[in-house]
């Protein structure tokens, strides 16, 4: 809250009752265009529990990002229901229940890294000392301490994305929505950021919904993997990960990891065959 107090996790009615943090039931979304209707989502039902790390994977145009945007109240479904923290997506947005990380870092080039992170805190009315304290704390979380006076153009692409994640964490929302944040990065940087994101998730206990096109990334990061079909986007499989919470990168070479990756790949193939 702007008075300097951190919100206490687990006190919303949804959490107290053990209800899912995010719950979609028979969700549909159809866009009306000049070329006719576009069916983005069809009969999507899913529950995301507190502390889950859920990845959404599927071909381009399958509705992964659209589903994420429905959670964030950036798109409005044309059928079915979706709740966030036991209330409507609109109410959750107004209550600032989530931070959102886009595909591009989206940092303002004329503001320093610290200034970019402080921006949502300024808008929300936090005091200047509280803005600075929170900015320093989240920079430490993403291992960017000491870079607050740099400008975005002085940072690598991977560092810019870490700053974007820090900005989404600054007001301490319980939910983090991430739309393919590492898709434009090279494999070495992506691996490093995947490791950092898992450590961040373990430290903060956020509920994370994560969109990706990468099977290894989805399997490595997630407690639950949601496989989606080509448009209209439908859920073809939901895979509960058997992997331990502590995951070094070399876990990707284990039989357990490869078995999950195979199931994801088969789910993607099945979705294409059903189309």
Protein backbone atom coordinates (compact mmCIF):
# COMPACT_ATOMS: atom_id res chain seq x y z
CA UNK A 1 0.00 0.00 0.00
CA UNK A 2 1.20 3.58 -0.59
CA UNK A 3 1.62 4.09 3.16
CA UNK A 4 4.72 1.89 2.96
CA UNK A 5 3.23 -1.35 4.22
CA UNK A 6 3.71 -4.46 2.11
CA UNK A 7 0.54 -6.39 1.35
CA UNK A 8 0.38 -9.62 3.26
CA UNK A 9 0.21 -12.67 0.97
CA UNK A 10 -2.59 -15.14 1.38
CA UNK A 11 -5.21 -12.82 2.84
CA UNK A 12 -7.57 -12.42 -0.13
CA UNK A 13 -10.85 -14.30 0.02
CA UNK A 14 -9.72 -16.51 -2.86
CA UNK A 15 -6.55 -17.51 -1.02
CA UNK A 16 -8.22 -17.90 2.35
CA UNK A 17 -10.80 -20.27 0.93
CA UNK A 18 -8.23 -22.27 -1.02
CA UNK A 19 -9.92 -21.27 -4.28
CA UNK A 20 -7.80 -21.01 -7.46
CA UNK A 21 -5.97 -17.73 -7.96
CA UNK A 22 -7.07 -17.68 -11.62
CA UNK A 23 -10.07 -19.67 -12.84
CA UNK A 24 -11.44 -19.79 -16.39
CA UNK A 25 -14.60 -21.69 -17.30
CA UNK A 26 -15.67 -22.32 -20.92
CA UNK A 27 -13.93 -19.14 -22.02
CA UNK A 28 -14.53 -17.97 -25.60
CA UNK A 29 -13.21 -14.93 -27.40
CA UNK A 30 -14.10 -13.91 -30.94
CA UNK A 31 -12.66 -10.79 -32.54
CA UNK A 32 -14.80 -9.00 -35.10
CA UNK A 33 -12.68 -7.86 -38.06
CA UNK A 34 -13.31 -6.40 -41.52
CA UNK A 35 -12.60 -9.87 -42.92
CA UNK A 36 -15.09 -11.56 -40.63
CA UNK A 37 -14.92 -13.04 -37.12
CA UNK A 38 -11.66 -14.46 -35.76
CA UNK A 39 -12.16 -17.18 -33.16
CA UNK A 40 -9.18 -16.73 -30.82
CA UNK A 41 -10.29 -18.90 -27.88
CA UNK A 42 -12.85 -21.69 -27.68
CA UNK A 43 -14.18 -23.41 -24.55
CA UNK A 44 -11.05 -22.83 -22.46
CA UNK A 45 -11.30 -24.03 -18.83
CA UNK A 46 -8.34 -23.92 -16.43
CA UNK A 47 -7.55 -23.37 -12.75
CA UNK A 48 -4.24 -21.87 -11.61
CA UNK A 49 -3.44 -22.37 -7.93
CA UNK A 50 -1.50 -20.08 -5.62
CA UNK A 51 2.25 -20.47 -6.17
CA UNK A 52 1.89 -22.32 -9.49
CA UNK A 53 4.29 -21.62 -12.37
CA UNK A 54 2.12 -22.31 -15.42
CA UNK A 55 3.50 -22.17 -18.95
CA UNK A 56 1.31 -21.86 -22.04
CA UNK A 57 2.71 -23.34 -25.23
CA UNK A 58 1.29 -23.73 -28.71
CA UNK A 59 1.74 -22.57 -32.31
CA UNK A 60 1.66 -18.89 -33.24
CA UNK A 61 -1.87 -17.52 -33.24
CA UNK A 62 -3.25 -20.21 -30.91
CA UNK A 63 -4.49 -17.73 -28.31
CA UNK A 64 -1.75 -18.02 -25.65
CA UNK A 65 -1.24 -14.28 -25.39
CA UNK A 66 -4.96 -13.63 -25.78
CA UNK A 67 -5.66 -15.86 -22.77
CA UNK A 68 -3.00 -14.01 -20.76
CA UNK A 69 -4.55 -10.68 -21.77
CA UNK A 70 -7.96 -11.92 -20.61
CA UNK A 71 -6.43 -12.60 -17.19
CA UNK A 72 -5.11 -9.04 -17.19
CA UNK A 73 -8.42 -7.52 -18.37
CA UNK A 74 -6.68 -6.26 -21.51
CA UNK A 75 -9.14 -8.31 -23.59
CA UNK A 76 -12.76 -9.10 -22.73
CA UNK A 77 -14.08 -12.63 -23.41
CA UNK A 78 -17.19 -13.02 -25.54
CA UNK A 79 -18.29 -16.12 -23.64
CA UNK A 80 -17.63 -18.00 -20.43
CA UNK A 81 -16.13 -16.58 -17.25
CA UNK A 82 -12.73 -15.77 -15.77
CA UNK A 83 -11.91 -14.78 -12.20
CA UNK A 84 -8.66 -13.52 -10.67
CA UNK A 85 -8.26 -13.69 -6.88
CA UNK A 86 -11.92 -14.63 -6.61
CA UNK A 87 -13.19 -11.53 -8.39
CA UNK A 88 -13.56 -10.29 -11.96
CA UNK A 89 -10.46 -9.61 -14.05
CA UNK A 90 -11.49 -5.95 -14.14
CA UNK A 91 -11.63 -5.71 -10.35
CA UNK A 92 -8.28 -7.52 -10.07
CA UNK A 93 -6.72 -5.07 -12.51
CA UNK A 94 -8.05 -2.11 -10.53
CA UNK A 95 -6.71 -3.72 -7.34
CA UNK A 96 -3.32 -4.09 -9.06
CA UNK A 97 -3.32 -7.82 -8.42
CA UNK A 98 -0.71 -8.59 -11.08
CA UNK A 99 2.47 -7.37 -12.75
CA UNK A 100 2.72 -7.81 -16.53
CA UNK A 101 5.93 -8.44 -18.48
CA UNK A 102 5.64 -7.98 -22.24
CA UNK A 103 7.65 -9.55 -25.08
CA UNK A 104 9.71 -6.38 -25.42
CA UNK A 105 11.16 -4.75 -22.32
CA UNK A 106 9.27 -1.52 -23.07
CA UNK A 107 11.60 0.70 -21.03
CA UNK A 108 11.41 4.46 -21.60
CA UNK A 109 14.78 5.47 -23.10
CA UNK A 110 14.77 8.92 -21.47
CA UNK A 111 14.41 7.47 -17.96
CA UNK A 112 17.12 5.66 -16.05
CA UNK A 113 16.61 2.04 -15.06
CA UNK A 114 15.70 3.21 -11.57
CA UNK A 115 13.31 5.78 -13.03
CA UNK A 116 11.63 3.13 -15.18
CA UNK A 117 11.12 0.87 -12.17
CA UNK A 118 9.77 3.74 -10.08
CA UNK A 119 7.25 4.81 -12.73
CA UNK A 120 4.32 2.58 -11.63
CA UNK A 121 5.08 3.47 -8.02
CA UNK A 122 4.91 7.17 -8.88
CA UNK A 123 1.56 6.65 -10.60
CA UNK A 124 0.26 4.70 -7.59
CA UNK A 125 1.23 7.45 -5.17
CA UNK A 126 4.05 5.87 -3.19
CA UNK A 127 6.30 8.29 -1.32
CA UNK A 128 9.74 9.00 -2.77
CA UNK A 129 11.58 7.12 0.02
CA UNK A 130 9.27 4.11 -0.49
CA UNK A 131 9.83 4.26 -4.27
CA UNK A 132 13.59 4.19 -3.74
CA UNK A 133 13.43 1.36 -1.19
CA UNK A 134 11.28 -0.79 -3.43
CA UNK A 135 13.37 0.00 -6.52
CA UNK A 136 16.55 -1.07 -4.74
CA UNK A 137 14.90 -4.24 -3.43
CA UNK A 138 13.65 -5.46 -6.81
CA UNK A 139 16.94 -4.57 -8.52
CA UNK A 140 18.61 -6.87 -6.00
CA UNK A 141 16.05 -9.59 -6.76
CA UNK A 142 16.93 -9.53 -10.49
CA UNK A 143 20.68 -9.06 -9.81
CA UNK A 144 20.88 -5.53 -11.23
CA UNK A 145 21.98 -3.67 -8.10
CA UNK A 146 24.17 -0.72 -9.06
CA UNK A 147 22.53 -0.20 -12.47
CA UNK A 148 19.77 2.16 -11.32
CA UNK A 149 21.47 5.23 -12.86
CA UNK A 150 22.12 3.59 -16.23
CA UNK A 151 19.86 4.18 -19.22
CA UNK A 152 18.24 1.29 -21.12
CA UNK A 153 20.54 1.71 -24.14
CA UNK A 154 23.52 1.07 -21.84
CA UNK A 155 22.22 -2.42 -20.93
CA UNK A 156 22.15 -5.66 -22.91
CA UNK A 157 18.84 -7.12 -24.08
CA UNK A 158 18.84 -9.63 -21.26
CA UNK A 159 19.52 -6.97 -18.65
CA UNK A 160 16.72 -4.81 -20.07
CA UNK A 161 14.29 -7.72 -19.66
CA UNK A 162 15.44 -8.22 -16.08
CA UNK A 163 14.74 -4.52 -15.48
CA UNK A 164 11.28 -5.02 -17.01
CA UNK A 165 10.65 -7.91 -14.59
CA UNK A 166 11.85 -5.71 -11.71
CA UNK A 167 9.36 -3.02 -12.73
CA UNK A 168 6.53 -5.61 -12.70
CA UNK A 169 7.61 -6.74 -9.22
CA UNK A 170 7.99 -3.25 -7.75
CA UNK A 171 4.49 -2.97 -6.28
CA UNK A 172 4.59 -6.54 -4.94
CA UNK A 173 1.58 -8.04 -6.73
CA UNK A 174 0.98 -11.72 -6.00
CA UNK A 175 0.59 -12.64 -9.68
CA UNK A 176 3.15 -12.23 -12.48
CA UNK A 177 1.92 -12.49 -16.08
CA UNK A 178 4.77 -12.97 -18.58
CA UNK A 179 4.25 -12.89 -22.35
CA UNK A 180 7.24 -14.65 -23.94
CA UNK A 181 9.75 -12.33 -22.25
CA UNK A 182 12.86 -14.20 -23.41
CA UNK A 183 11.81 -15.08 -26.97
CA UNK A 184 14.11 -12.56 -28.68
CA UNK A 185 17.23 -13.50 -26.70
CA UNK A 186 20.00 -15.88 -27.71
CA UNK A 187 20.07 -19.35 -26.18
CA UNK A 188 22.90 -18.72 -23.70
CA UNK A 189 21.27 -15.58 -22.29
CA UNK A 190 17.88 -17.30 -22.28
CA UNK A 191 19.24 -20.24 -20.26
CA UNK A 192 20.74 -17.84 -17.72
CA UNK A 193 17.50 -15.88 -17.37
CA UNK A 194 15.51 -19.11 -17.02
CA UNK A 195 17.74 -20.05 -14.07
CA UNK A 196 17.32 -16.58 -12.55
CA UNK A 197 13.56 -16.64 -13.01
CA UNK A 198 13.28 -19.95 -11.14
CA UNK A 199 15.33 -18.51 -8.27
CA UNK A 200 13.16 -15.39 -8.26
CA UNK A 201 9.99 -17.50 -8.19
CA UNK A 202 11.35 -19.56 -5.29
CA UNK A 203 12.24 -16.40 -3.33
CA UNK A 204 9.00 -14.49 -3.94
CA UNK A 205 6.46 -17.38 -4.14
CA UNK A 206 4.55 -15.50 -6.85
CA UNK A 207 1.93 -17.19 -9.00
CA UNK A 208 3.32 -17.02 -12.55
CA UNK A 209 1.57 -17.44 -15.91
CA UNK A 210 4.18 -17.63 -18.67
CA UNK A 211 3.75 -17.73 -22.47
CA UNK A 212 6.46 -19.43 -24.54
CA UNK A 213 7.11 -21.12 -27.89
CA UNK A 214 9.97 -23.18 -26.46
CA UNK A 215 9.33 -26.75 -25.28
CA UNK A 216 12.56 -26.95 -23.19
CA UNK A 217 11.76 -23.59 -21.57
CA UNK A 218 8.20 -24.64 -20.73
CA UNK A 219 9.31 -27.95 -19.21
CA UNK A 220 12.24 -26.46 -17.31
CA UNK A 221 10.30 -23.63 -15.68
CA UNK A 222 6.86 -24.98 -14.95
CA UNK A 223 4.90 -26.80 -12.31
CA UNK A 224 2.14 -27.11 -14.93
CA UNK A 225 2.33 -26.96 -18.74
CA UNK A 226 -0.76 -26.03 -20.74
CA UNK A 227 -0.65 -27.17 -24.38
CA UNK A 228 -2.88 -25.24 -26.79
CA UNK A 229 -4.14 -26.04 -30.28
CA UNK A 230 -4.10 -23.88 -33.42
CA UNK A 231 -6.89 -21.30 -33.70
CA UNK A 232 -9.46 -21.40 -32.33
CA UNK A 233 -7.29 -21.80 -29.24
CA UNK A 234 -8.26 -24.81 -27.13
CA UNK A 235 -6.43 -26.61 -24.34
CA UNK A 236 -5.39 -30.03 -25.60
CA UNK A 237 -3.35 -31.14 -22.57
CA UNK A 238 -2.47 -29.99 -19.06
CA UNK A 239 0.72 -31.61 -17.78
CA UNK A 240 1.61 -31.60 -14.08
CA UNK A 241 5.40 -31.57 -13.88
CA UNK A 242 7.03 -34.41 -11.90
CA UNK A 243 10.32 -32.48 -11.69
CA UNK A 244 11.62 -31.22 -8.32
CA UNK A 245 11.37 -27.52 -7.50
CA UNK A 246 15.17 -27.21 -7.47
CA UNK A 247 16.18 -27.54 -11.13
CA UNK A 248 19.76 -27.13 -12.37
CA UNK A 249 20.05 -26.66 -16.14
CA UNK A 250 21.44 -30.16 -16.61
CA UNK A 251 18.08 -31.59 -15.46
CA UNK A 252 17.13 -31.12 -19.12
CA UNK A 253 19.23 -34.19 -19.94
CA UNK A 254 17.39 -36.52 -17.54
CA UNK A 255 14.86 -39.15 -18.64
CA UNK A 256 12.12 -37.47 -16.57
CA UNK A 257 12.62 -34.14 -18.34
CA UNK A 258 12.74 -35.74 -21.79
CA UNK A 259 9.57 -37.70 -21.06
CA UNK A 260 7.66 -34.51 -20.23
CA UNK A 261 9.09 -32.75 -23.30
CA UNK A 262 7.96 -35.69 -25.45
CA UNK A 263 4.42 -35.45 -24.06
CA UNK A 264 4.35 -31.69 -24.82
CA UNK A 265 5.54 -32.34 -28.37
CA UNK A 266 2.93 -35.05 -28.86
CA UNK A 267 0.24 -32.71 -27.53
CA UNK A 268 1.26 -30.05 -30.05
CA UNK A 269 1.15 -32.57 -32.88
CA UNK A 270 -2.26 -33.85 -31.76
CA UNK A 271 -3.58 -30.29 -31.74
CA UNK A 272 -2.54 -29.82 -35.34
CA UNK A 273 -4.11 -33.10 -36.36
CA UNK A 274 -7.39 -32.13 -34.72
CA UNK A 275 -7.47 -28.79 -36.51
